[in-house]
N, C-alpha and C. Protein backbone atom coordinates (compact mmCIF):
# COMPACT_ATOMS: atom_id res chain seq x y z
N MET A 1 136.95 144.76 122.76
CA MET A 1 135.42 144.61 123.45
C MET A 1 135.68 143.18 124.58
N GLY A 2 135.04 143.35 125.72
CA GLY A 2 135.17 142.80 126.69
C GLY A 2 134.51 141.62 126.76
N ARG A 3 134.85 140.43 127.91
CA ARG A 3 133.88 139.54 128.11
C ARG A 3 132.63 139.59 128.76
N ILE A 4 131.48 139.54 128.68
CA ILE A 4 130.02 139.61 129.62
C ILE A 4 130.25 138.78 131.07
N LYS A 5 129.59 139.34 131.91
CA LYS A 5 130.09 138.73 133.33
C LYS A 5 128.36 138.08 133.14
N SER A 6 128.24 136.67 134.02
CA SER A 6 126.78 136.20 134.11
C SER A 6 126.28 137.07 135.24
N LYS A 7 124.97 136.71 135.40
CA LYS A 7 124.06 137.32 136.11
C LYS A 7 124.50 137.01 137.77
N ILE A 8 125.07 135.84 137.96
CA ILE A 8 125.87 135.46 139.29
C ILE A 8 126.72 136.06 139.61
N VAL A 9 127.34 136.82 138.76
CA VAL A 9 128.66 137.54 139.04
C VAL A 9 127.99 138.63 139.70
N LYS A 10 127.50 139.44 138.89
CA LYS A 10 127.03 141.20 138.75
C LYS A 10 125.89 140.94 139.87
N ARG A 11 125.48 139.73 140.21
CA ARG A 11 124.14 140.11 141.46
C ARG A 11 125.17 139.73 142.76
N THR A 12 126.41 138.88 142.33
CA THR A 12 126.78 138.74 144.06
C THR A 12 127.93 140.63 144.45
N ALA A 13 128.32 140.88 143.08
CA ALA A 13 129.06 141.99 143.22
C ALA A 13 128.28 142.79 144.04
N LYS A 14 127.29 143.20 143.59
CA LYS A 14 126.44 143.84 143.84
C LYS A 14 125.72 144.38 145.34
N THR A 15 125.61 142.62 145.48
CA THR A 15 125.12 142.47 147.20
C THR A 15 126.37 142.93 147.86
N LEU A 16 127.67 142.60 147.65
CA LEU A 16 128.67 142.70 148.65
C LEU A 16 129.12 144.07 148.70
N ILE A 17 128.91 144.90 147.49
CA ILE A 17 128.90 146.35 147.48
C ILE A 17 127.89 146.93 148.70
N SER A 18 126.91 146.75 148.19
CA SER A 18 125.85 147.17 149.02
C SER A 18 125.81 146.88 150.62
N ILE A 19 126.21 145.86 151.18
CA ILE A 19 126.70 145.52 152.35
C ILE A 19 128.06 146.31 153.13
N GLU A 20 129.20 145.54 152.26
CA GLU A 20 130.16 146.27 152.84
C GLU A 20 130.68 147.47 151.67
N ASN A 21 130.35 148.38 151.27
CA ASN A 21 130.80 149.57 150.24
C ASN A 21 132.13 150.08 151.05
N ASN A 22 132.72 150.48 152.27
CA ASN A 22 133.88 151.02 152.56
C ASN A 22 134.95 150.17 152.55
N LYS A 23 134.87 148.58 152.55
CA LYS A 23 135.96 147.90 152.46
C LYS A 23 136.64 147.44 151.62
N PHE A 24 135.98 147.59 150.20
CA PHE A 24 136.39 147.03 148.45
C PHE A 24 136.57 148.90 148.24
N THR A 25 137.87 148.22 147.40
CA THR A 25 138.60 149.50 146.58
C THR A 25 138.27 149.19 145.22
N ASP A 26 138.98 150.12 144.24
CA ASP A 26 139.21 149.94 142.76
C ASP A 26 140.20 149.03 142.39
N LYS A 27 141.30 148.45 143.45
CA LYS A 27 142.13 147.60 143.13
C LYS A 27 141.84 145.90 143.42
N TYR A 28 142.24 145.37 141.90
CA TYR A 28 141.83 143.69 141.79
C TYR A 28 142.17 143.31 143.07
N GLU A 29 143.60 143.03 143.06
CA GLU A 29 144.24 142.60 144.46
C GLU A 29 143.55 142.75 145.87
N ASP A 30 143.45 143.81 146.11
CA ASP A 30 142.88 144.19 147.26
C ASP A 30 141.36 143.50 147.63
N ASN A 31 140.58 143.57 146.45
CA ASN A 31 139.42 142.74 146.45
C ASN A 31 139.15 141.61 146.30
N LYS A 32 140.56 141.03 145.91
CA LYS A 32 140.28 139.40 146.08
C LYS A 32 140.96 138.85 147.39
N LYS A 33 141.75 139.42 148.02
CA LYS A 33 142.15 139.12 149.40
C LYS A 33 140.97 139.28 150.24
N LEU A 34 140.00 140.29 150.03
CA LEU A 34 138.93 140.10 151.00
C LEU A 34 138.01 139.25 150.27
N LEU A 35 137.77 138.33 149.29
CA LEU A 35 137.03 137.54 149.20
C LEU A 35 137.19 136.09 149.55
N THR A 36 138.65 135.95 149.76
CA THR A 36 139.22 134.94 149.64
C THR A 36 138.44 133.38 150.59
N GLY A 37 138.14 134.16 151.59
CA GLY A 37 137.07 133.31 152.61
C GLY A 37 135.72 133.46 152.18
N LEU A 38 134.96 133.95 151.49
CA LEU A 38 133.77 134.07 151.46
C LEU A 38 133.00 133.33 149.91
N MET A 39 134.11 133.13 148.92
CA MET A 39 133.82 132.62 147.70
C MET A 39 134.00 131.19 147.94
N PRO A 40 133.22 129.86 147.01
CA PRO A 40 133.66 128.86 146.99
C PRO A 40 134.65 128.58 145.97
N SER A 41 134.69 128.96 144.67
CA SER A 41 135.68 128.93 144.01
C SER A 41 136.37 129.96 143.39
N LYS A 42 137.72 129.55 142.97
CA LYS A 42 138.56 130.40 142.55
C LYS A 42 137.88 131.61 141.14
N LYS A 43 137.58 130.73 140.37
CA LYS A 43 137.81 131.00 138.98
C LYS A 43 136.06 132.57 139.54
N VAL A 44 135.19 131.98 140.05
CA VAL A 44 134.18 133.44 140.78
C VAL A 44 134.75 134.28 141.34
N ARG A 45 135.41 133.51 142.45
CA ARG A 45 135.93 134.95 143.24
C ARG A 45 136.81 135.96 142.46
N ASN A 46 137.55 135.45 141.63
CA ASN A 46 138.04 136.12 140.79
C ASN A 46 137.51 137.14 139.91
N GLN A 47 136.56 136.44 139.39
CA GLN A 47 135.35 137.36 138.12
C GLN A 47 134.81 138.40 138.98
N VAL A 48 134.31 137.92 140.44
CA VAL A 48 133.74 139.10 141.17
C VAL A 48 134.66 140.09 141.63
N ALA A 49 135.94 140.25 142.46
CA ALA A 49 136.95 140.85 142.66
C ALA A 49 136.92 141.82 141.02
N GLY A 50 137.39 141.36 140.43
CA GLY A 50 137.27 142.43 139.09
C GLY A 50 136.27 142.92 138.92
N TYR A 51 134.87 142.12 138.95
CA TYR A 51 133.46 143.17 138.62
C TYR A 51 133.51 144.59 139.46
N ILE A 52 134.06 143.77 140.72
CA ILE A 52 134.06 145.20 141.90
C ILE A 52 134.74 146.35 141.69
N ALA A 53 136.02 145.94 141.56
CA ALA A 53 137.11 146.99 141.17
C ALA A 53 136.40 147.85 139.90
N ARG A 54 135.93 147.21 138.69
CA ARG A 54 135.02 147.90 137.81
C ARG A 54 134.33 148.85 138.51
N LEU A 55 133.20 148.42 139.18
CA LEU A 55 132.07 149.09 139.56
C LEU A 55 133.08 150.48 140.79
N LYS A 56 133.85 150.57 141.17
CA LYS A 56 134.56 150.83 142.02
C LYS A 56 134.87 152.32 141.31
N LYS A 57 135.68 151.88 140.14
CA LYS A 57 135.92 152.88 139.30
C LYS A 57 135.12 153.63 138.56
N ILE A 58 134.14 153.09 138.16
CA ILE A 58 133.14 153.93 137.82
C ILE A 58 132.57 154.91 138.88
N GLY A 59 132.43 154.16 139.74
CA GLY A 59 131.81 155.53 140.62
C GLY A 59 132.75 156.20 141.29
N THR A 60 133.93 156.09 140.94
CA THR A 60 134.60 157.28 141.69
C THR A 60 134.53 158.21 140.29
N LYS A 61 134.81 157.82 139.12
CA LYS A 61 134.53 158.66 137.78
C LYS A 61 133.76 159.35 138.08
N ALA A 62 132.59 159.06 138.17
CA ALA A 62 130.90 159.46 138.29
C ALA A 62 130.82 160.76 139.34
N LYS A 63 131.99 160.64 140.59
CA LYS A 63 131.87 161.39 141.92
C LYS A 63 132.56 162.84 141.30
N THR A 64 133.68 162.26 140.51
CA THR A 64 134.69 163.42 140.36
C THR A 64 133.95 164.35 138.99
N GLU A 65 133.43 163.85 138.42
CA GLU A 65 132.82 164.79 137.36
C GLU A 65 131.84 165.66 137.95
């Protein structure tokens, strides 16, 4: 079982995806580079980048099925 993300991480990730959906991918490293200038702390940036990658992977699975 994984760790549960906080409400701030989930809300931020969903907001960023709704604004700039095409820029983010299902790769954590790419998302982390995009968020480098936007996020104030390293920990939050990494959590948001990982959650965005997870949401994108779930989205691509749903589209293929």
